[in-house]
């Protein structure tokens, strides 16, 4: 296996590990420091990030599909494999990002409603738009975030590999 190929796959492995460490850190801080609260502002911020992944992945897939890669596929097996991998990962990113948006919206609503129920039962007024995510909600959001981000990074890396091999 050529050294550039090995270097590429090491790079892809790094792109898979770094988001995992980031997600693990969020999980760890939520469990040890109680940082599993969410607000409408943070929800909107993360939804905007997921929408950005959808847009970027969609544009990249459209460019890939309409480019001259199809004619170059016959010339190079590496280009053909990279084009297929890029398309699969980028389309996966779109799917995971859409699921993430739905999960962010619904889990926020559940957390806010739970908080409201607790405060109303205690005779207090409805809270500002915030609530605490339970473990299942947090795991769902973090898993979808990891899947969306990793799919985007790996898909984009394979897209860059195509340009490198032309």
Protein backbone atom coordinates (compact mmCIF):
# COMPACT_ATOMS: atom_id res chain seq x y z
CA UNK A 1 0.00 0.00 0.00
CA UNK A 2 1.51 3.37 -0.98
CA UNK A 3 2.48 5.73 1.82
CA UNK A 4 -0.04 8.38 0.66
CA UNK A 5 -2.82 5.84 0.99
CA UNK A 6 -1.71 4.96 4.52
CA UNK A 7 -1.47 8.64 5.41
CA UNK A 8 -4.97 9.23 4.06
CA UNK A 9 -6.48 6.45 6.17
CA UNK A 10 -4.63 7.68 9.27
CA UNK A 11 -6.12 11.11 8.55
CA UNK A 12 -9.60 9.56 8.24
CA UNK A 13 -9.07 7.73 11.54
CA UNK A 14 -8.18 11.04 13.20
CA UNK A 15 -11.37 12.55 11.74
CA UNK A 16 -13.32 9.75 13.41
CA UNK A 17 -11.56 9.92 16.80
CA UNK A 18 -11.52 13.68 17.40
CA UNK A 19 -15.32 14.12 17.25
CA UNK A 20 -15.66 11.08 19.51
CA UNK A 21 -13.43 12.75 22.10
CA UNK A 22 -15.46 15.94 21.80
CA UNK A 23 -18.75 14.08 22.30
CA UNK A 24 -17.29 12.05 25.17
CA UNK A 25 -16.18 15.29 26.88
CA UNK A 26 -19.72 16.67 26.66
CA UNK A 27 -21.09 13.41 28.10
CA UNK A 28 -18.49 13.37 30.87
CA UNK A 29 -19.21 16.98 31.90
CA UNK A 30 -22.94 16.34 31.84
CA UNK A 31 -22.52 13.38 34.17
CA UNK A 32 -19.90 14.83 36.53
CA UNK A 33 -20.84 18.52 36.60
CA UNK A 34 -24.53 18.34 35.83
CA UNK A 35 -24.11 20.24 32.57
CA UNK A 36 -27.03 18.63 30.79
CA UNK A 37 -29.26 21.69 30.80
CA UNK A 38 -30.55 23.08 27.55
CA UNK A 39 -32.14 26.37 26.59
CA UNK A 40 -33.89 27.69 23.53
CA UNK A 41 -30.75 29.63 22.61
CA UNK A 42 -28.47 26.59 22.78
CA UNK A 43 -31.03 24.47 20.92
CA UNK A 44 -31.19 27.07 18.15
CA UNK A 45 -27.40 27.23 17.97
CA UNK A 46 -27.07 23.45 17.55
CA UNK A 47 -29.96 23.29 15.08
CA UNK A 48 -28.21 25.96 13.00
CA UNK A 49 -25.04 23.86 13.08
CA UNK A 50 -26.95 20.78 11.92
CA UNK A 51 -28.62 22.80 9.14
CA UNK A 52 -25.18 23.93 8.03
CA UNK A 53 -24.08 20.28 7.78
CA UNK A 54 -27.17 19.48 5.71
CA UNK A 55 -26.48 22.37 3.36
CA UNK A 56 -22.75 21.70 2.98
CA UNK A 57 -23.26 17.97 2.45
CA UNK A 58 -26.09 18.53 0.00
CA UNK A 59 -23.99 20.93 -2.06
CA UNK A 60 -21.02 18.56 -2.02
CA UNK A 61 -23.15 15.60 -3.14
CA UNK A 62 -24.75 17.69 -5.89
CA UNK A 63 -21.34 18.79 -7.13
CA UNK A 64 -20.08 15.22 -6.98
CA UNK A 65 -23.07 13.92 -8.92
CA UNK A 66 -22.85 16.59 -11.59
CA UNK A 67 -19.08 16.65 -11.96
CA UNK A 68 -16.90 14.91 -14.45
CA UNK A 69 -16.00 12.30 -11.83
CA UNK A 70 -18.30 9.84 -13.61
CA UNK A 71 -16.09 9.86 -16.69
CA UNK A 72 -12.93 9.61 -14.63
CA UNK A 73 -14.20 6.61 -12.66
CA UNK A 74 -13.21 4.23 -15.41
CA UNK A 75 -9.69 5.65 -15.41
CA UNK A 76 -8.91 5.12 -11.74
CA UNK A 77 -10.21 2.63 -9.21
CA UNK A 78 -9.13 4.96 -6.39
CA UNK A 79 -11.26 7.77 -7.83
CA UNK A 80 -14.26 5.45 -8.24
CA UNK A 81 -13.96 4.15 -4.68
CA UNK A 82 -13.48 7.64 -3.30
CA UNK A 83 -16.48 9.01 -5.21
CA UNK A 84 -18.70 6.22 -3.90
CA UNK A 85 -17.44 6.60 -0.34
CA UNK A 86 -17.83 10.39 -0.46
CA UNK A 87 -21.40 10.09 -1.72
CA UNK A 88 -22.36 7.51 0.91
CA UNK A 89 -20.85 9.46 3.80
CA UNK A 90 -22.20 12.84 2.69
CA UNK A 91 -25.70 11.47 2.12
CA UNK A 92 -25.47 9.79 5.54
CA UNK A 93 -24.54 13.16 6.99
CA UNK A 94 -27.69 14.72 5.55
CA UNK A 95 -29.83 11.92 7.03
CA UNK A 96 -28.17 12.01 10.46
CA UNK A 97 -28.33 15.82 10.55
CA UNK A 98 -32.05 15.85 9.84
CA UNK A 99 -32.59 13.26 12.56
CA UNK A 100 -30.42 15.38 14.86
CA UNK A 101 -32.56 18.46 14.22
CA UNK A 102 -35.71 16.52 15.09
CA UNK A 103 -34.05 15.08 18.22
CA UNK A 104 -32.83 18.50 19.34
CA UNK A 105 -36.26 20.03 18.93
CA UNK A 106 -38.16 17.21 20.63
CA UNK A 107 -35.70 16.61 23.46
CA UNK A 108 -35.64 20.33 24.23
CA UNK A 109 -39.45 20.38 24.36
CA UNK A 110 -39.46 17.39 26.71
CA UNK A 111 -36.81 18.92 29.00
CA UNK A 112 -38.63 22.27 29.12
CA UNK A 113 -41.99 20.59 29.80
CA UNK A 114 -40.52 18.44 32.59
CA UNK A 115 -39.04 21.53 34.21
CA UNK A 116 -42.38 23.32 33.96
CA UNK A 117 -44.18 20.39 35.55
CA UNK A 118 -41.71 20.36 38.44
CA UNK A 119 -42.04 24.08 39.07
CA UNK A 120 -45.84 24.12 38.77
CA UNK A 121 -46.03 21.23 41.26
CA UNK A 122 -43.90 23.34 43.65
CA UNK A 123 -46.18 26.36 43.12
CA UNK A 124 -43.62 28.36 41.16
CA UNK A 125 -44.02 30.09 37.81
CA UNK A 126 -43.11 28.55 34.45
CA UNK A 127 -39.36 28.67 33.84
CA UNK A 128 -37.52 30.55 31.22
CA UNK A 129 -37.04 28.44 28.11
CA UNK A 130 -34.69 25.90 29.68
CA UNK A 131 -34.77 22.38 31.00
CA UNK A 132 -32.53 19.47 31.94
CA UNK A 133 -32.03 16.66 29.44
CA UNK A 134 -32.25 13.15 30.83
CA UNK A 135 -29.54 10.59 30.04
CA UNK A 136 -31.42 8.99 27.14
CA UNK A 137 -32.12 12.34 25.47
CA UNK A 138 -28.52 13.42 25.87
CA UNK A 139 -27.19 10.12 24.49
CA UNK A 140 -29.54 10.36 21.50
CA UNK A 141 -28.45 13.91 20.70
CA UNK A 142 -24.76 13.14 21.18
CA UNK A 143 -24.89 9.94 19.10
CA UNK A 144 -26.64 11.70 16.21
CA UNK A 145 -24.23 14.64 16.50
CA UNK A 146 -21.26 12.29 16.34
CA UNK A 147 -22.72 10.39 13.38
CA UNK A 148 -23.53 13.58 11.45
CA UNK A 149 -20.20 15.29 12.10
CA UNK A 150 -18.11 12.20 11.43
CA UNK A 151 -20.03 11.39 8.24
CA UNK A 152 -19.45 14.93 7.00
CA UNK A 153 -15.73 14.98 7.82
CA UNK A 154 -15.02 11.54 6.35
CA UNK A 155 -17.16 12.21 3.26
CA UNK A 156 -15.40 15.51 2.67
CA UNK A 157 -12.01 13.82 3.10
CA UNK A 158 -12.91 11.28 0.42
CA UNK A 159 -14.10 14.13 -1.79
CA UNK A 160 -10.71 15.77 -1.37
CA UNK A 161 -9.02 12.48 -2.20
CA UNK A 162 -10.71 12.54 -5.60
CA UNK A 163 -9.15 15.89 -6.43
CA UNK A 164 -5.78 14.63 -5.22
CA UNK A 165 -5.91 11.65 -7.62
CA UNK A 166 -6.91 13.52 -10.79
